[in-house]
Amino acid sequence: MASINKRGSSWFVQIRRKGFRPRFKSFESHSAAQQWAREEEAAIDNGHGRVETKRGRETTVSLLLNRYSKEVAPKKKGAVTELLRLAKMQDAPFAQLSISNLTGSALADYRDHRLNQVKPTTVRRELGIIRSVLEIARKEWGVPLRENPVAQISIPAAKDARERRLKPGELEALLAAIDKGRNPLVRPLVLLALETALRRGELLRLTWKDIDLDCRTALIRDTKNGSDRTIPLTKPAATLLEGLGEDAGFAFPLTPNALRQSWRRACHRAEIQDLRFHDLRHEAISRFFEIGLSVPEVALISGHRDARMLFRYTHLAPNAVRDRIDKLSNH
């Protein structure tokens, strides 16, 4: 409860709450003092006040980022990329703040600064990581945060969703460049990505024990959404796998970094710009729709649980749609 007392010609307000540092302020009028007291107490009651305990003053955001990097991030898919993001955040001004002094305003400054450097989607991912760090800290590590400060700021809209597909001649140029490289597994891996829409990690984790060439199926384990799925293999996909001539271990015994380097060098040799390996998944899914597969059929292959997400990946070529309409019209 706030106390308001007159001292000389001023009205003096004092607010004391357990877990919060005492707040004091003076005003020229009693009404102004009451208004400020009401607003401050409402902020505390609604969870917007910062808990200012000794631990809150001594625990910096940097310490939380470090603990998250050691205990949480390594267990996640995409750990390498997330750990790199966490390491870069350590140099940000907000990371030097104590939990007691961390505000939505400090995170908004970080957001605005990063928006001048990188795309909105990157900033969204970074704020998502910060949200996860603070959420685990307040719920599991006993860090005195009444609410997550990330919830107080607006998150940039993802306006830069990629629509990159292979242009005419790019695949041929890319394969020719890959053939000049040292690793014979990269070519079949790239072609299999186009036949299956598998993610890079799914391709690299694919084992022979999960491949059934007789039934032309493959069991995909440890997927992004956390559940296994069995996908059909096209005839070209089965032929590619048969051509590898192996029957034990990983189908593609490559490290993520080896594939990354081979891809980068091939794109450079082929003079292909702004093509990422993940764009092959986008290309494959688009091709599935262009040959007439339904949304449920594509979802079975791609592993999407939310059918709406498929529309992010699907950018149909108008001529393919035209040809399919013509084909249907002839029946």
Protein backbone atom coordinates (compact mmCIF):
# COMPACT_ATOMS: atom_id res chain seq x y z
CA MET A 1 0.00 0.00 0.00
CA ALA A 2 1.33 3.42 -0.91
CA SER A 3 1.64 6.10 1.70
CA ILE A 4 1.23 9.76 0.78
CA ASN A 5 2.37 12.49 3.14
CA LYS A 6 2.72 16.25 2.84
CA ARG A 7 6.14 17.69 3.51
CA GLY A 8 6.26 21.41 3.26
CA SER A 9 4.66 22.36 -0.04
CA SER A 10 5.19 18.91 -1.65
CA TRP A 11 3.39 15.59 -1.45
CA PHE A 12 5.72 12.67 -0.81
CA VAL A 13 4.81 9.12 -2.03
CA GLN A 14 6.37 5.94 -0.71
CA ILE A 15 5.60 2.44 -2.02
CA ARG A 16 6.90 -0.67 -0.28
CA ARG A 17 6.27 -4.20 -1.56
CA LYS A 18 7.98 -7.43 -0.60
CA GLY A 19 10.49 -8.41 -3.26
CA PHE A 20 10.67 -4.89 -4.68
CA ARG A 21 13.00 -2.05 -3.96
CA PRO A 22 11.11 0.80 -2.19
CA ARG A 23 9.94 3.56 -4.51
CA PHE A 24 9.79 7.24 -3.61
CA LYS A 25 8.65 10.30 -5.48
CA SER A 26 7.44 13.81 -4.65
CA PHE A 27 4.73 15.86 -6.36
CA GLU A 28 3.38 19.38 -6.20
CA SER A 29 -0.23 18.21 -5.85
CA HIS A 30 -2.01 15.49 -3.92
CA SER A 31 -3.91 14.34 -7.03
CA ALA A 32 -0.69 13.85 -9.00
CA ALA A 33 0.78 11.85 -6.12
CA GLN A 34 -2.32 9.62 -5.99
CA GLN A 35 -2.25 9.07 -9.75
CA TRP A 36 1.40 8.00 -9.73
CA ALA A 37 0.85 5.69 -6.76
CA ARG A 38 -2.12 4.01 -8.47
CA GLU A 39 -0.18 3.47 -11.69
CA GLU A 40 2.87 2.06 -9.92
CA GLU A 41 0.86 -0.33 -7.78
CA ALA A 42 -1.21 -1.45 -10.76
CA ALA A 43 1.99 -2.22 -12.68
CA ILE A 44 3.21 -4.37 -9.81
CA ASP A 45 -0.15 -6.13 -9.40
CA ASN A 46 -0.35 -6.87 -13.13
CA GLY A 47 3.12 -8.37 -13.17
CA HIS A 48 4.85 -5.46 -14.90
CA GLY A 49 6.97 -4.52 -11.92
CA ARG A 50 10.53 -5.78 -11.74
CA VAL A 51 11.28 -8.02 -8.79
CA GLU A 52 14.33 -6.49 -7.13
CA THR A 53 15.84 -9.11 -4.82
CA LYS A 54 19.51 -9.60 -4.08
CA ARG A 55 19.62 -12.47 -6.58
CA GLY A 56 17.89 -10.33 -9.18
CA ARG A 57 20.51 -7.61 -8.74
CA GLU A 58 23.41 -10.08 -8.88
CA THR A 59 22.17 -12.25 -11.77
CA THR A 60 22.98 -10.79 -15.16
CA VAL A 61 21.37 -11.78 -18.44
CA SER A 62 24.83 -12.86 -19.58
CA LEU A 63 24.94 -15.48 -16.84
CA LEU A 64 21.56 -16.84 -17.98
CA LEU A 65 22.68 -16.96 -21.62
CA ASN A 66 25.76 -18.87 -20.56
CA ARG A 67 23.81 -21.40 -18.48
CA TYR A 68 21.29 -21.90 -21.29
CA SER A 69 24.19 -22.48 -23.71
CA LYS A 70 25.54 -25.25 -21.48
CA GLU A 71 22.37 -26.93 -20.25
CA VAL A 72 19.60 -26.40 -22.81
CA ALA A 73 20.80 -25.44 -26.29
CA PRO A 74 23.07 -28.48 -26.85
CA LYS A 75 20.06 -30.79 -26.52
CA LYS A 76 18.06 -29.02 -29.22
CA LYS A 77 17.97 -29.61 -32.95
CA GLY A 78 19.96 -26.91 -34.67
CA ALA A 79 22.16 -26.59 -31.59
CA VAL A 80 25.20 -25.37 -33.52
CA THR A 81 23.36 -22.40 -35.00
CA GLU A 82 21.64 -21.56 -31.72
CA LEU A 83 24.90 -21.66 -29.79
CA LEU A 84 26.43 -19.22 -32.26
CA ARG A 85 23.49 -16.84 -31.80
CA LEU A 86 23.77 -17.09 -28.02
CA ALA A 87 27.50 -16.35 -28.14
CA LYS A 88 26.91 -13.20 -30.21
CA MET A 89 24.23 -12.01 -27.79
CA GLN A 90 26.79 -11.95 -25.00
CA ASP A 91 28.20 -8.73 -26.47
CA ALA A 92 24.81 -6.97 -26.61
CA PRO A 93 24.13 -4.19 -24.07
CA PHE A 94 21.07 -5.98 -22.63
CA ALA A 95 23.23 -9.00 -21.73
CA GLN A 96 25.21 -6.86 -19.29
CA LEU A 97 22.10 -5.85 -17.35
CA SER A 98 21.01 -7.50 -14.14
CA ILE A 99 17.65 -9.22 -14.12
CA SER A 100 16.36 -6.46 -11.83
CA ASN A 101 17.22 -3.88 -14.48
CA LEU A 102 16.17 -5.82 -17.56
CA THR A 103 13.20 -4.12 -19.21
CA GLY A 104 11.20 -4.44 -22.37
CA SER A 105 12.70 -1.12 -23.40
CA ALA A 106 16.23 -2.58 -23.28
CA LEU A 107 15.14 -5.48 -25.49
CA ALA A 108 13.35 -3.09 -27.85
CA ASP A 109 16.63 -1.19 -28.27
CA TYR A 110 18.36 -4.48 -29.12
CA ARG A 111 15.57 -5.35 -31.59
CA ASP A 112 15.81 -1.99 -33.36
CA HIS A 113 19.59 -2.15 -33.53
CA ARG A 114 19.52 -5.62 -35.05
CA LEU A 115 16.86 -4.66 -37.58
CA ASN A 116 19.41 -2.24 -39.03
CA GLN A 117 21.82 -5.14 -39.50
CA VAL A 118 19.84 -8.27 -40.38
CA LYS A 119 16.48 -9.36 -41.74
CA PRO A 120 13.30 -9.39 -39.61
CA THR A 121 13.19 -13.19 -39.59
CA THR A 122 16.65 -13.32 -38.00
CA VAL A 123 15.57 -10.84 -35.32
CA ARG A 124 12.44 -12.93 -34.68
CA ARG A 125 14.60 -16.01 -34.10
CA GLU A 126 16.93 -14.12 -31.76
CA LEU A 127 14.05 -12.72 -29.71
CA GLY A 128 12.58 -16.22 -29.60
CA ILE A 129 15.82 -17.52 -28.08
CA ILE A 130 15.87 -14.70 -25.52
CA ARG A 131 12.26 -15.47 -24.64
CA SER A 132 13.13 -19.14 -24.11
CA VAL A 133 16.14 -18.29 -21.94
CA LEU A 134 14.12 -15.99 -19.69
CA GLU A 135 11.14 -18.35 -19.55
CA ILE A 136 13.25 -21.26 -18.37
CA ALA A 137 15.09 -18.97 -15.94
CA ARG A 138 11.89 -17.78 -14.29
CA LYS A 139 10.07 -21.13 -14.27
CA GLU A 140 12.86 -23.63 -13.63
CA TRP A 141 15.92 -21.81 -12.28
CA GLY A 142 14.21 -19.72 -9.64
CA VAL A 143 15.25 -16.41 -11.21
CA PRO A 144 13.05 -13.59 -9.82
CA LEU A 145 11.16 -12.45 -12.93
CA ARG A 146 7.44 -11.78 -12.60
CA GLU A 147 6.97 -11.83 -16.35
CA ASN A 148 9.02 -12.33 -19.48
CA PRO A 149 10.20 -8.91 -20.76
CA VAL A 150 10.07 -10.16 -24.35
CA ALA A 151 6.28 -10.27 -23.98
CA GLN A 152 6.31 -6.50 -23.49
CA ILE A 153 7.67 -5.65 -26.94
CA SER A 154 6.45 -6.11 -30.49
CA ILE A 155 8.09 -8.82 -32.57
CA PRO A 156 9.02 -8.00 -36.19
CA ALA A 157 6.79 -9.58 -38.79
CA ALA A 158 8.41 -12.25 -40.95
CA LYS A 159 8.25 -10.33 -44.21
CA ASP A 160 11.24 -12.03 -45.78
CA ALA A 161 9.89 -15.58 -46.23
CA ARG A 162 11.96 -17.16 -49.00
CA GLU A 163 10.41 -18.06 -52.32
CA ARG A 164 13.64 -19.26 -53.94
CA ARG A 165 13.28 -21.99 -56.53
CA LEU A 166 15.73 -23.38 -59.02
CA LYS A 167 15.99 -21.30 -62.16
CA PRO A 168 16.33 -22.87 -65.63
CA GLY A 169 19.79 -24.36 -66.02
CA GLU A 170 20.77 -23.98 -62.36
CA LEU A 171 20.43 -27.64 -61.44
CA GLU A 172 22.60 -28.75 -64.37
CA ALA A 173 25.22 -26.12 -63.52
CA LEU A 174 25.13 -27.06 -59.86
CA LEU A 175 25.57 -30.80 -60.55
CA ALA A 176 28.43 -30.10 -62.94
CA ALA A 177 30.14 -28.05 -60.25
CA ILE A 178 29.52 -30.75 -57.64
CA ASP A 179 31.11 -33.34 -59.95
CA LYS A 180 34.32 -31.27 -59.88
CA GLY A 181 34.44 -31.59 -56.12
CA ARG A 182 36.09 -34.32 -54.08
CA ASN A 183 33.09 -35.94 -52.41
CA PRO A 184 31.09 -38.41 -54.55
CA LEU A 185 28.20 -38.47 -52.04
CA VAL A 186 27.13 -34.86 -52.56
CA ARG A 187 25.58 -35.37 -56.01
CA PRO A 188 23.24 -38.25 -55.02
CA LEU A 189 22.40 -36.45 -51.77
CA VAL A 190 21.33 -33.31 -53.64
CA LEU A 191 19.26 -35.33 -56.11
CA LEU A 192 17.65 -37.30 -53.29
CA ALA A 193 16.73 -34.04 -51.57
CA LEU A 194 14.82 -33.04 -54.70
CA GLU A 195 13.06 -36.42 -54.83
CA THR A 196 12.08 -36.57 -51.14
CA ALA A 197 11.94 -32.99 -49.77
CA LEU A 198 13.99 -34.19 -46.82
CA ARG A 199 15.80 -31.63 -44.70
CA ARG A 200 19.59 -31.65 -44.60
CA GLY A 201 19.67 -33.14 -41.12
CA GLU A 202 17.15 -35.84 -42.06
CA LEU A 203 19.25 -36.84 -45.05
CA LEU A 204 22.43 -37.02 -43.00
CA ARG A 205 20.73 -39.10 -40.29
CA LEU A 206 19.20 -41.54 -42.78
CA THR A 207 20.43 -45.09 -42.12
CA TRP A 208 20.26 -48.22 -44.25
CA LYS A 209 18.29 -50.10 -41.61
CA ASP A 210 15.46 -47.59 -42.14
CA ILE A 211 15.47 -47.91 -45.93
CA ASP A 212 13.30 -50.55 -47.59
CA LEU A 213 14.15 -50.60 -51.28
CA ASP A 214 11.75 -53.48 -51.98
CA CYS A 215 8.76 -51.51 -50.66
CA ARG A 216 10.35 -48.21 -51.71
CA THR A 217 9.91 -46.52 -48.33
CA ALA A 218 12.19 -44.85 -45.81
CA LEU A 219 11.64 -44.29 -42.10
CA ILE A 220 12.70 -40.79 -41.11
CA ARG A 221 13.66 -40.56 -37.44
CA ASP A 222 14.32 -37.67 -35.08
CA THR A 223 12.44 -35.17 -37.22
CA LYS A 224 12.00 -31.46 -36.59
CA ASN A 225 8.49 -31.91 -35.15
CA GLY A 226 9.65 -34.70 -32.87
CA SER A 227 7.86 -37.67 -34.46
CA ASP A 228 9.09 -40.30 -36.89
CA ARG A 229 7.48 -40.65 -40.31
CA THR A 230 7.63 -43.12 -43.17
CA ILE A 231 7.86 -41.63 -46.65
CA PRO A 232 7.42 -43.22 -50.07
CA LEU A 233 10.46 -43.29 -52.33
CA THR A 234 10.06 -42.39 -55.98
CA LYS A 235 11.66 -44.69 -58.53
CA PRO A 236 14.50 -42.19 -59.12
CA ALA A 237 15.03 -41.95 -55.34
CA ALA A 238 15.26 -45.74 -55.01
CA THR A 239 17.67 -45.88 -57.94
CA LEU A 240 19.87 -43.23 -56.34
CA LEU A 241 20.05 -45.20 -53.11
CA GLU A 242 20.72 -48.48 -54.88
CA GLY A 243 23.59 -46.80 -56.69
CA LEU A 244 25.33 -46.04 -53.40
CA GLY A 245 26.05 -49.74 -53.03
CA GLU A 246 25.96 -49.83 -49.24
CA ASP A 247 23.78 -51.65 -46.74
CA ALA A 248 24.94 -50.62 -43.27
CA GLY A 249 25.42 -47.44 -41.27
CA PHE A 250 24.47 -44.03 -42.61
CA ALA A 251 23.37 -43.70 -46.20
CA PHE A 252 25.38 -40.49 -46.43
CA PRO A 253 28.30 -40.58 -43.97
CA LEU A 254 28.97 -36.85 -44.17
CA THR A 255 29.28 -34.26 -41.44
CA PRO A 256 27.04 -31.18 -41.63
CA ASN A 257 30.11 -29.00 -42.07
CA ALA A 258 31.49 -31.15 -44.92
CA LEU A 259 28.18 -30.84 -46.75
CA ARG A 260 28.02 -27.12 -46.02
CA GLN A 261 31.48 -26.55 -47.47
CA SER A 262 30.81 -28.70 -50.54
CA TRP A 263 27.58 -26.83 -51.19
CA ARG A 264 29.25 -23.44 -50.84
CA ARG A 265 32.08 -24.37 -53.20
CA ALA A 266 29.70 -25.85 -55.80
CA CYS A 267 27.51 -22.73 -55.83
CA HIS A 268 30.62 -20.59 -56.20
CA ARG A 269 31.94 -22.70 -59.11
CA ALA A 270 28.54 -22.65 -60.81
CA GLU A 271 28.21 -18.88 -60.21
CA ILE A 272 24.84 -19.47 -58.56
CA GLN A 273 23.86 -16.79 -56.06
CA ASP A 274 21.52 -16.92 -53.06
CA LEU A 275 20.75 -20.63 -53.23
CA ARG A 276 20.63 -22.48 -49.91
CA PHE A 277 20.48 -26.22 -49.43
CA HIS A 278 17.11 -25.84 -47.71
CA ASP A 279 15.78 -24.31 -50.94
CA LEU A 280 15.90 -27.83 -52.40
CA ARG A 281 13.14 -28.80 -49.96
CA HIS A 282 11.12 -25.81 -51.12
CA GLU A 283 11.71 -26.87 -54.73
CA ALA A 284 10.73 -30.49 -54.06
CA ILE A 285 7.49 -29.61 -52.28
CA SER A 286 6.55 -27.23 -55.07
CA ARG A 287 7.18 -29.97 -57.63
CA PHE A 288 4.97 -32.39 -55.68
CA PHE A 289 2.07 -29.97 -55.95
CA GLU A 290 2.79 -29.30 -59.60
CA ILE A 291 2.43 -32.99 -60.47
CA GLY A 292 -0.94 -33.05 -58.72
CA LEU A 293 -0.34 -34.40 -55.21
CA SER A 294 -2.89 -33.28 -52.63
CA VAL A 295 -2.09 -31.38 -49.45
CA PRO A 296 -2.42 -34.53 -47.25
CA GLU A 297 -0.18 -36.47 -49.64
CA VAL A 298 2.51 -33.79 -49.61
CA ALA A 299 2.23 -33.45 -45.82
CA LEU A 300 2.85 -37.21 -45.52
CA ILE A 301 6.14 -36.77 -47.35
CA SER A 302 7.24 -33.40 -45.94
CA GLY A 303 6.19 -34.05 -42.36
CA HIS A 304 4.21 -30.85 -41.94
CA ARG A 305 1.60 -31.14 -39.19
CA ASP A 306 0.00 -27.82 -40.03
CA ALA A 307 -1.15 -27.84 -43.65
CA ARG A 308 -1.06 -24.04 -43.68
CA MET A 309 2.72 -24.17 -43.42
CA LEU A 310 2.89 -25.86 -46.80
CA PHE A 311 1.78 -22.67 -48.47
CA ARG A 312 5.02 -21.01 -47.33
CA TYR A 313 6.97 -23.55 -49.35
CA THR A 314 4.65 -23.89 -52.29
CA HIS A 315 5.07 -21.45 -55.15
CA LEU A 316 3.71 -23.17 -58.20
CA ALA A 317 4.99 -22.42 -61.65
CA PRO A 318 2.06 -21.03 -63.71
CA ASN A 319 2.92 -23.13 -66.76
CA ALA A 320 2.78 -26.33 -64.67
CA VAL A 321 -0.66 -25.40 -63.36
CA ARG A 322 -1.76 -24.57 -66.90
CA ASP A 323 -0.62 -27.95 -68.23
CA ARG A 324 -2.38 -29.80 -65.42
CA ILE A 325 -5.64 -27.89 -66.10
CA ASP A 326 -5.33 -28.78 -69.77
CA LYS A 327 -4.77 -32.42 -68.89
CA LEU A 328 -7.82 -32.53 -66.63
CA SER A 329 -9.93 -30.74 -69.23
CA ASN A 330 -9.21 -33.45 -71.81
CA HIS A 331 -10.84 -36.16 -69.68
